[in-house]
Amino acid sequence: MSSGAVVESIDPANGETFETYEVFDDARTDAALDTAHAAFRRYRKSPWSERAELMNGVARELRAGADKLAKTVSREMGKPIKEAEAEVEKCAWAAEHYAEYGESYLAAERIQTGDGRRVAVHKRPLGVVLAIMPWNYPLWQAMRAAAPIVSAGNAFVLKHASNVTGCGLLLETVFERAGAAGLFKTIVVSGRKASELIGDRRIAGVTLTGSDAAGVSVGEAAGRAIKPVVLELGGSDPFIVLGDANLEKAVEVAVTARFQNTGQSCIAAKRFVVVESVAAEFEERFAAAAKDLRRGAPIDPETQLGPMAREDLRDELAGIVDASVAAGATVLTGGVAPDEAGAWYEPTVVSAAAGSGAPVLREETFGPVAAVARVADEAEAIAIANDSEFGLGCSLWTQDLERAETLAADIESGMVFVNAMTASDPRIPFGGVKRSGVGRELGGELGMRAFLNLQAVVVSGP
């Protein structure tokens, strides 16, 4: 059953179409939702031993299929193969984490009321969770949500970005081979159709990772349906370098923090806010290191920077750089789209005056472009860091660790990493404030709690 429409997988390294997939018609979509809902009804009261076995099985299947999974990621969205392989392993780690600790996360919480009653808060699964996911981490974004959600006893329906449809279908196969028949379903539908499904009686909640515009649409639909929602949206994360920072280490991490995944990450450092006393040295080292990154075919294990996922995204990024130069910014390296097939863009570092209004300091630059802004002191650094409609993560560099923890309280973001790049971890809550979203993923129990019925059971004597 298909709608007659298709989606194409286009290799961003050369612009060639290499696979097509049929878009589901309504009957096929309904069948997938029915299957997931029936699986949930069977699974919701399953013993923890069964859930742990399932998640450990998912980890095993991910590793067993790592070569095919990683190559599919690289070909569909251009990720360097070494990073794609690391993404597969991270997915397996998340599955194993919830297999090991999930039972304790789901333990009932006892409340002492002092009046003789027995009161407990039980954590019951809600049902089928619809996940609308992006293309930039096509395995991890889905698993980051699925590991806690499925471990909690829910079923999971994935609507993936169309350009990584192959990755979405492979993930369904991973769960099936692990024994999770029906608990993880991938549907090939449009974004509009996915939004319509939020109101479906078989859907109990929705999680989205995507743009803030997509978050508005999904949030409105969830609100109308009165269903729980987690929104992990955009970011324009600051990377703050204070005067006493270990500059050598800061530059080394800055390159990874900005250019990993070809800069296509919501939690990538995008605005490098550097105190004037060390700014010149930081810019010189940072630009030189960025220039030295090896650009090449994603499948080549020596490649450090692949193509962007789509040519239209590359063109949009180039426009932001050009507009910033017109506003007075200076290109320290890069700023060029090579004259060749594919969605390529040179690693770029731009220096822009704080408060200049240059787009590289205002917009979410989703690609290999870093913006450096010089500031007078830490007070101005915090002010510039907070001068954004986003608030996902922040990286803060200083050797005064007590001062760092004090400053963190003034930073408007969901995460602050001191002397390290912002990163996701199954043990650490992941999410932001302002237009970066609502709710949290991962963080042990927190990733489960978003889609649980926290049911109070109060027992009084006869």
Protein backbone atom coordinates (compact mmCIF):
# COMPACT_ATOMS: atom_id res chain seq x y z
CA MET A 1 0.00 0.00 0.00
CA SER A 2 1.45 3.34 -1.02
CA SER A 3 0.17 6.79 -1.86
CA GLY A 4 1.90 6.79 -5.24
CA ALA A 5 4.26 9.50 -4.01
CA VAL A 6 7.92 8.81 -3.31
CA VAL A 7 10.78 10.37 -1.36
CA GLU A 8 14.30 10.35 -2.72
CA SER A 9 17.63 9.73 -1.03
CA ILE A 10 20.15 12.08 -2.61
CA ASP A 11 23.86 11.67 -1.99
CA PRO A 12 24.95 15.13 -0.77
CA ALA A 13 28.53 14.44 -1.86
CA ASN A 14 27.57 14.42 -5.55
CA GLY A 15 23.89 15.36 -5.80
CA GLU A 16 22.88 11.98 -7.25
CA THR A 17 19.66 10.15 -6.32
CA PHE A 18 20.49 6.61 -5.20
CA GLU A 19 17.25 5.33 -3.62
CA THR A 20 13.52 6.04 -3.57
CA TYR A 21 10.89 5.06 -1.02
CA GLU A 22 7.13 4.93 -1.37
CA VAL A 23 5.17 7.28 0.86
CA PHE A 24 2.62 5.43 2.99
CA ASP A 25 -1.03 5.87 2.13
CA ASP A 26 -3.62 6.24 4.90
CA ALA A 27 -4.31 2.49 5.09
CA ARG A 28 -0.65 1.62 5.55
CA THR A 29 -0.21 4.37 8.13
CA ASP A 30 -3.26 3.14 10.03
CA ALA A 31 -1.91 -0.40 9.97
CA ALA A 32 1.37 0.76 11.49
CA LEU A 33 -0.42 2.65 14.27
CA ASP A 34 -2.68 -0.34 14.95
CA THR A 35 0.36 -2.61 15.17
CA ALA A 36 2.14 -0.25 17.58
CA HIS A 37 -0.95 0.19 19.75
CA ALA A 38 -1.54 -3.57 19.95
CA ALA A 39 2.13 -4.11 20.84
CA PHE A 40 1.84 -1.53 23.61
CA ARG A 41 -1.20 -3.30 25.07
CA ARG A 42 0.83 -6.52 25.25
CA TYR A 43 3.99 -4.88 26.52
CA ARG A 44 2.78 -2.31 29.04
CA LYS A 45 2.78 -4.72 32.01
CA SER A 46 5.78 -6.76 30.93
CA PRO A 47 8.29 -7.64 33.68
CA TRP A 48 11.47 -5.62 33.81
CA SER A 49 13.54 -8.67 32.88
CA GLU A 50 11.79 -8.73 29.49
CA ARG A 51 12.40 -5.03 28.88
CA ALA A 52 16.05 -5.28 29.88
CA GLU A 53 16.51 -8.25 27.57
CA LEU A 54 14.90 -6.27 24.76
CA MET A 55 17.14 -3.23 25.18
CA ASN A 56 20.27 -5.34 25.47
CA GLY A 57 19.13 -7.08 22.30
CA VAL A 58 18.78 -3.73 20.57
CA ALA A 59 22.36 -2.89 21.55
CA ARG A 60 23.58 -6.21 20.14
CA GLU A 61 21.71 -5.72 16.87
CA LEU A 62 23.04 -2.20 16.49
CA ARG A 63 26.60 -3.44 16.82
CA ALA A 64 25.98 -6.42 14.56
CA GLY A 65 24.66 -4.12 11.84
CA ALA A 66 27.06 -1.26 12.52
CA ASP A 67 28.76 -1.33 9.12
CA LYS A 68 25.51 -1.08 7.14
CA LEU A 69 24.01 1.46 9.52
CA ALA A 70 27.06 3.73 9.44
CA LYS A 71 27.38 3.57 5.65
CA THR A 72 23.69 4.41 5.25
CA VAL A 73 24.09 7.46 7.52
CA SER A 74 27.12 8.62 5.53
CA ARG A 75 25.46 8.23 2.18
CA GLU A 76 22.09 9.71 3.12
CA MET A 77 23.27 12.86 4.92
CA GLY A 78 27.02 13.08 4.34
CA LYS A 79 28.38 12.35 7.82
CA PRO A 80 32.06 11.30 7.85
CA ILE A 81 32.14 7.53 8.30
CA LYS A 82 34.14 7.60 11.53
CA GLU A 83 31.51 9.86 13.09
CA ALA A 84 28.73 7.64 11.74
CA GLU A 85 30.35 4.59 13.33
CA ALA A 86 30.60 6.47 16.63
CA GLU A 87 26.91 7.36 16.34
CA VAL A 88 25.95 3.69 16.08
CA GLU A 89 27.99 2.87 19.18
CA LYS A 90 26.43 5.73 21.13
CA CYS A 91 22.98 4.34 20.31
CA ALA A 92 24.03 0.95 21.67
CA TRP A 93 25.34 2.62 24.84
CA ALA A 94 21.99 4.34 25.43
CA ALA A 95 20.11 1.06 25.02
CA GLU A 96 22.43 -0.67 27.48
CA HIS A 97 22.17 2.18 29.97
CA TYR A 98 18.40 1.87 30.21
CA ALA A 99 18.63 -1.92 30.30
CA GLU A 100 20.90 -1.66 33.34
CA TYR A 101 19.27 1.19 35.26
CA GLY A 102 15.71 1.42 33.95
CA GLU A 103 14.20 -0.74 36.67
CA SER A 104 15.47 1.61 39.38
CA TYR A 105 14.25 4.64 37.41
CA LEU A 106 10.74 3.15 37.30
CA ALA A 107 10.57 2.19 40.98
CA ALA A 108 7.50 3.53 42.79
CA GLU A 109 8.07 6.54 45.04
CA ARG A 110 6.67 6.29 48.56
CA ILE A 111 5.20 9.35 50.27
CA GLN A 112 4.90 9.61 54.04
CA THR A 113 1.73 11.50 54.91
CA GLY A 114 1.82 10.83 58.67
CA ASP A 115 -1.86 9.88 58.83
CA GLY A 116 -1.63 6.11 58.46
CA ARG A 117 -2.33 5.95 54.75
CA ARG A 118 -0.05 4.18 52.29
CA VAL A 119 0.75 6.50 49.41
CA ALA A 120 2.83 5.63 46.38
CA VAL A 121 3.49 7.24 43.02
CA HIS A 122 3.63 4.56 40.35
CA LYS A 123 5.15 5.18 36.93
CA ARG A 124 2.88 3.72 34.27
CA PRO A 125 3.47 3.90 30.51
CA LEU A 126 1.12 6.10 28.50
CA GLY A 127 0.88 4.33 25.14
CA VAL A 128 2.19 5.03 21.65
CA VAL A 129 4.57 8.00 21.36
CA LEU A 130 4.97 9.68 17.98
CA ALA A 131 8.55 10.82 17.34
CA ILE A 132 9.23 13.39 14.62
CA MET A 133 12.97 13.42 14.06
CA PRO A 134 15.56 15.34 11.97
CA TRP A 135 18.30 14.21 9.63
CA ASN A 136 21.49 15.42 11.31
CA TYR A 137 21.93 12.49 13.72
CA PRO A 138 19.57 10.05 12.02
CA LEU A 139 20.25 7.15 14.38
CA TRP A 140 21.06 8.93 17.64
CA GLN A 141 18.18 11.41 17.61
CA ALA A 142 15.71 8.54 17.29
CA MET A 143 17.46 6.29 19.83
CA ARG A 144 17.91 9.16 22.29
CA ALA A 145 14.13 9.28 22.47
CA ALA A 146 13.32 5.60 21.91
CA ALA A 147 15.60 4.07 24.55
CA PRO A 148 13.88 5.67 27.56
CA ILE A 149 10.41 5.71 25.99
CA VAL A 150 10.35 2.02 25.05
CA SER A 151 12.10 0.99 28.27
CA ALA A 152 9.30 2.73 30.15
CA GLY A 153 6.78 0.39 28.52
CA ASN A 154 5.56 2.58 25.67
CA ALA A 155 5.52 1.91 21.93
CA PHE A 156 7.32 4.22 19.50
CA VAL A 157 6.31 5.41 16.03
CA LEU A 158 9.02 7.24 14.10
CA LYS A 159 8.39 9.81 11.39
CA HIS A 160 11.90 10.53 10.18
CA ALA A 161 13.21 13.32 7.96
CA SER A 162 12.59 12.28 4.37
CA ASN A 163 16.25 12.41 3.33
CA VAL A 164 17.17 9.76 5.93
CA THR A 165 14.27 7.40 5.34
CA GLY A 166 16.65 4.47 4.94
CA CYS A 167 18.04 5.05 8.43
CA GLY A 168 14.54 5.11 9.89
CA LEU A 169 13.58 1.82 8.27
CA LEU A 170 16.84 0.20 9.40
CA LEU A 171 16.11 1.18 13.00
CA GLU A 172 12.74 -0.55 12.81
CA THR A 173 14.56 -3.67 11.62
CA VAL A 174 17.00 -3.42 14.54
CA PHE A 175 14.14 -3.47 17.04
CA GLU A 176 12.33 -6.28 15.23
CA ARG A 177 15.44 -8.46 15.27
CA ALA A 178 15.85 -7.73 18.97
CA GLY A 179 12.36 -9.12 19.59
CA ALA A 180 10.38 -5.88 19.83
CA ALA A 181 7.71 -6.87 17.32
CA GLY A 182 5.53 -3.81 16.70
CA LEU A 183 7.00 -1.67 19.46
CA PHE A 184 9.06 0.43 17.05
CA LYS A 185 7.44 1.36 13.76
CA THR A 186 8.73 3.73 11.10
CA ILE A 187 6.17 5.49 8.92
CA VAL A 188 7.06 7.24 5.66
CA VAL A 189 4.71 10.22 5.62
CA SER A 190 4.85 13.97 5.11
CA GLY A 191 5.40 16.43 7.94
CA ARG A 192 1.83 17.64 7.51
CA LYS A 193 0.49 14.10 7.87
CA ALA A 194 2.60 13.58 10.99
CA SER A 195 1.11 16.70 12.57
CA GLU A 196 -2.37 15.41 11.81
CA LEU A 197 -1.55 12.12 13.55
CA ILE A 198 -0.94 13.92 16.87
CA GLY A 199 -4.69 14.08 17.36
CA ASP A 200 -5.18 10.38 16.61
CA ARG A 201 -6.67 8.40 19.52
CA ARG A 202 -3.85 5.84 19.25
CA ILE A 203 -1.16 8.46 19.88
CA ALA A 204 -0.55 9.23 23.57
CA GLY A 205 2.22 11.81 23.23
CA VAL A 206 4.68 13.36 20.82
CA THR A 207 8.37 14.20 20.84
CA LEU A 208 10.02 16.42 18.26
CA THR A 209 13.60 17.32 17.52
CA GLY A 210 13.74 20.04 14.89
CA SER A 211 13.52 23.74 14.19
CA ASP A 212 11.70 26.20 16.40
CA ALA A 213 9.19 26.72 13.58
CA ALA A 214 8.44 22.99 13.58
CA GLY A 215 8.18 23.17 17.36
CA VAL A 216 5.48 25.82 17.13
CA SER A 217 3.44 23.66 14.76
CA VAL A 218 3.81 20.45 16.77
CA GLY A 219 3.32 22.22 20.09
CA GLU A 220 0.06 23.75 18.86
CA ALA A 221 -1.19 20.37 17.64
CA ALA A 222 -0.28 18.70 20.94
CA GLY A 223 -1.98 21.48 22.87
CA ARG A 224 -5.19 21.10 20.89
CA ALA A 225 -5.11 17.35 21.53
CA ILE A 226 -4.13 17.85 25.20
CA LYS A 227 -1.21 15.46 24.93
CA PRO A 228 2.26 15.60 26.49
CA VAL A 229 5.01 16.91 24.27
CA VAL A 230 8.80 17.23 24.37
CA LEU A 231 10.33 19.79 22.02
CA GLU A 232 14.08 19.80 21.43
CA LEU A 233 14.58 22.69 19.04
CA GLY A 234 17.28 24.93 17.70
CA GLY A 235 20.36 26.34 19.33
CA SER A 236 22.90 29.12 18.90
CA ASP A 237 25.18 27.88 21.63
CA PRO A 238 27.87 30.19 23.01
CA PHE A 239 31.42 29.00 23.63
CA ILE A 240 32.73 31.46 26.21
CA VAL A 241 36.50 31.84 26.59
CA LEU A 242 37.57 33.88 29.61
CA GLY A 243 40.99 35.45 30.04
CA ASP A 244 42.38 32.69 32.26
CA ALA A 245 41.29 29.81 30.02
CA ASN A 246 43.65 27.04 28.94
CA LEU A 247 43.79 28.41 25.41
CA GLU A 248 45.47 25.42 23.79
CA LYS A 249 42.80 23.04 25.06
CA ALA A 250 40.01 25.52 24.37
CA VAL A 251 41.00 25.84 20.70
CA GLU A 252 41.37 22.08 20.29
CA VAL A 253 37.87 21.45 21.68
CA ALA A 254 36.41 24.44 19.85
CA VAL A 255 37.26 22.89 16.48
CA THR A 256 35.40 19.69 17.35
CA ALA A 257 32.56 21.56 19.03
CA ARG A 258 31.92 23.63 15.90
CA PHE A 259 32.85 21.35 12.99
CA GLN A 260 31.84 17.89 14.16
CA ASN A 261 29.08 16.53 11.88
CA THR A 262 30.09 19.33 9.48
CA GLY A 263 28.67 21.80 11.99
CA GLN A 264 25.14 20.44 11.61
CA SER A 265 24.11 20.04 15.22
CA CYS A 266 21.70 21.87 17.51
CA ILE A 267 24.25 21.69 20.35
CA ALA A 268 27.26 22.63 18.28
CA ALA A 269 29.09 25.69 19.54
CA LYS A 270 28.18 28.46 17.11
CA ARG A 271 29.10 31.76 18.77
CA PHE A 272 32.62 31.97 20.21
CA VAL A 273 32.54 34.74 22.78
CA VAL A 274 36.14 35.56 23.70
CA VAL A 275 37.54 38.06 26.19
CA GLU A 276 39.66 40.67 24.44
CA SER A 277 42.90 39.82 26.26
CA VAL A 278 43.11 36.41 24.54
CA ALA A 279 40.93 37.04 21.48
CA ALA A 280 43.67 37.64 18.90
CA GLU A 281 45.52 34.46 19.82
CA PHE A 282 42.31 32.44 19.94
CA GLU A 283 41.22 33.67 16.50
CA GLU A 284 44.60 32.93 14.95
CA ARG A 285 44.80 29.40 16.35
CA PHE A 286 41.14 28.62 15.72
CA ALA A 287 41.16 29.77 12.09
CA ALA A 288 44.37 27.85 11.37
CA ALA A 289 42.99 24.66 12.88
CA ALA A 290 39.72 25.00 10.96
CA LYS A 291 41.57 25.57 7.70
CA ASP A 292 43.54 22.35 8.25
CA LEU A 293 40.44 20.16 8.51
CA ARG A 294 40.45 17.52 5.81
CA ARG A 295 37.45 17.82 3.51
CA GLY A 296 36.61 14.69 1.55
CA ALA A 297 34.26 11.85 0.68
CA PRO A 298 32.15 10.85 3.71
CA ILE A 299 33.05 7.18 3.27
CA ASP A 300 36.80 7.92 3.52
CA PRO A 301 37.93 7.21 7.12
CA GLU A 302 40.41 10.09 6.90
CA THR A 303 37.69 12.66 6.16
CA GLN A 304 37.07 15.21 8.90
CA LEU A 305 34.54 17.42 7.11
CA GLY A 306 31.92 16.06 4.75
CA PRO A 307 29.35 17.84 2.60
CA MET A 308 26.33 19.48 4.13
CA ALA A 309 23.17 17.40 3.99
CA ARG A 310 21.47 19.36 1.19
CA GLU A 311 22.45 21.98 -1.34
CA ASP A 312 19.64 24.35 -0.31
CA LEU A 313 20.98 24.32 3.26
CA ARG A 314 24.47 25.09 1.95
CA ASP A 315 23.14 28.00 -0.07
CA GLU A 316 21.27 29.35 2.96
CA LEU A 317 24.45 29.19 5.06
CA ALA A 318 26.49 30.93 2.37
CA GLY A 319 23.89 33.69 2.35
CA ILE A 320 24.29 34.20 6.10
CA VAL A 321 28.06 34.55 5.70
CA ASP A 322 27.71 37.00 2.80
CA ALA A 323 25.19 39.11 4.74
CA SER A 324 27.50 39.16 7.75
CA VAL A 325 30.43 40.37 5.65
CA ALA A 326 28.17 43.10 4.28
CA ALA A 327 27.43 44.05 7.91
CA GLY A 328 31.14 44.46 8.65
CA ALA A 329 32.26 40.96 9.67
CA THR A 330 35.65 39.65 8.59
CA VAL A 331 36.23 36.17 7.16
CA LEU A 332 39.35 34.70 8.80
CA THR A 333 39.26 31.50 6.74
CA GLY A 334 36.87 29.84 4.31
CA GLY A 335 33.67 31.57 3.30
CA VAL A 336 33.62 29.77 -0.04
CA ALA A 337 31.38 27.14 -1.64
CA PRO A 338 33.68 25.05 -3.88
CA ASP A 339 32.74 24.94 -7.56
CA GLU A 340 31.90 21.25 -7.66
CA ALA A 341 28.91 18.94 -7.49
CA GLY A 342 27.39 18.35 -4.08
CA ALA A 343 26.55 20.39 -0.99
CA TRP A 344 30.09 21.44 -0.07
CA TYR A 345 31.18 24.47 1.93
CA GLU A 346 34.65 25.29 3.22
CA PRO A 347 35.24 25.36 7.00
CA THR A 348 34.74 29.00 7.86
CA VAL A 349 35.63 31.28 10.76
CA VAL A 350 34.16 34.79 10.83
CA SER A 351 35.05 37.58 13.25
CA ALA A 352 32.14 39.91 13.97
CA ALA A 353 31.81 42.76 16.43
CA ALA A 354 29.58 41.98 19.39
CA GLY A 355 26.30 43.84 18.98
CA SER A 356 26.90 44.46 15.27
CA GLY A 357 23.78 42.62 14.23
CA ALA A 358 25.76 40.36 11.90
CA PRO A 359 23.56 37.34 11.05
CA VAL A 360 26.28 34.88 12.11
CA LEU A 361 25.75 36.13 15.66
CA ARG A 362 21.95 36.19 15.49
CA GLU A 363 20.85 33.17 13.49
CA GLU A 364 21.35 29.45 13.95
CA THR A 365 24.21 28.70 11.56
CA PHE A 366 23.61 25.04 10.80
CA GLY A 367 26.83 24.15 9.02
CA PRO A 368 30.63 24.62 9.10
CA VAL A 369 30.67 28.31 10.04
CA ALA A 370 31.97 29.67 13.35
CA ALA A 371 31.46 33.25 14.53
CA VAL A 372 33.94 34.87 16.94
CA ALA A 373 32.85 37.90 18.97
CA ARG A 374 35.35 39.81 21.13
CA VAL A 375 34.17 41.16 24.50
CA ALA A 376 35.77 43.30 27.18
CA ASP A 377 35.22 41.06 30.21
CA GLU A 378 33.18 38.20 31.67
CA ALA A 379 30.17 40.44 32.34
CA GLU A 380 29.92 41.35 28.66
CA ALA A 381 30.57 37.72 27.74
CA ILE A 382 27.52 36.59 29.72
CA ALA A 383 25.42 39.39 28.27
CA ILE A 384 26.35 38.45 24.70
CA ALA A 385 25.86 34.75 25.41
CA ASN A 386 22.32 35.46 26.65
CA ASP A 387 21.53 37.81 23.78
CA SER A 388 19.81 35.09 21.76
CA GLU A 389 16.30 33.74 21.42
CA PHE A 390 17.79 30.26 21.92
CA GLY A 391 19.02 28.67 25.13
CA LEU A 392 20.11 25.08 24.56
CA GLY A 393 23.72 24.63 25.70
CA CYS A 394 26.81 26.60 26.63
CA SER A 395 30.51 25.83 26.92
CA LEU A 396 32.43 27.96 29.44
CA TRP A 397 36.22 28.04 29.63
CA THR A 398 38.10 29.18 32.74
CA GLN A 399 40.53 27.71 35.23
CA ASP A 400 38.56 29.13 38.18
CA LEU A 401 36.09 26.29 38.68
CA GLU A 402 34.22 27.85 41.61
CA ARG A 403 33.76 31.02 39.61
CA ALA A 404 32.52 28.94 36.69
CA GLU A 405 29.73 27.41 38.77
CA THR A 406 28.71 30.87 39.95
CA LEU A 407 28.66 32.22 36.40
CA ALA A 408 26.61 29.24 35.21
CA ALA A 409 23.67 30.54 37.25
CA ASP A 410 23.60 33.65 35.05
CA ILE A 411 23.67 31.75 31.74
CA GLU A 412 20.27 31.24 30.10
CA SER A 413 20.61 27.71 28.80
CA GLY A 414 19.49 24.21 29.67
CA MET A 415 23.06 22.93 29.91
CA VAL A 416 26.41 24.45 30.84
CA PHE A 417 29.61 22.48 30.29
CA VAL A 418 32.72 23.90 31.94
CA ASN A 419 36.00 23.28 30.10
CA ALA A 420 34.28 20.83 27.77
CA MET A 421 32.01 20.90 24.73
CA THR A 422 28.27 20.48 25.13
CA ALA A 423 27.33 16.85 24.52
CA SER A 424 24.45 14.44 25.05
CA ASP A 425 24.80 11.58 27.54
CA PRO A 426 22.16 9.06 28.73
CA ARG A 427 22.92 10.05 32.34
CA ILE A 428 22.57 13.83 31.89
CA PRO A 429 19.33 15.79 31.23
CA PHE A 430 19.24 17.13 27.69
CA GLY A 431 17.15 20.11 26.63
CA GLY A 432 16.89 23.88 26.61
CA VAL A 433 14.96 27.02 27.45
CA LYS A 434 13.50 29.92 25.46
CA ARG A 435 13.02 28.92 21.79
CA SER A 436 15.25 25.90 22.23
CA GLY A 437 12.29 23.92 23.49
CA VAL A 438 10.45 22.44 26.44
CA GLY A 439 10.98 19.25 28.39
CA ARG A 440 14.04 17.07 28.81
CA GLU A 441 15.37 13.91 27.24
CA LEU A 442 17.81 11.37 28.68
CA GLY A 443 18.98 12.20 32.20
CA GLY A 444 18.23 8.73 33.47
CA GLU A 445 14.67 8.76 34.78
CA LEU A 446 13.83 12.16 33.27
CA GLY A 447 13.82 10.73 29.77
CA MET A 448 11.22 8.21 30.89
CA ARG A 449 9.13 10.55 33.03
CA ALA A 450 8.05 12.71 30.09
CA PHE A 451 5.80 9.93 28.81
CA LEU A 452 4.68 8.25 32.02
CA ASN A 453 1.47 8.41 33.97
CA LEU A 454 2.66 9.37 37.45
CA GLN A 455 -0.23 7.62 39.14
CA ALA A 456 -0.82 8.28 42.84
CA VAL A 457 -2.20 5.26 44.67
CA VAL A 458 -3.57 6.08 48.14
CA VAL A 459 -4.53 3.18 50.40
CA SER A 460 -6.54 3.78 53.57
CA GLY A 461 -7.47 1.21 56.21
CA PRO A 462 -10.82 -0.57 56.10
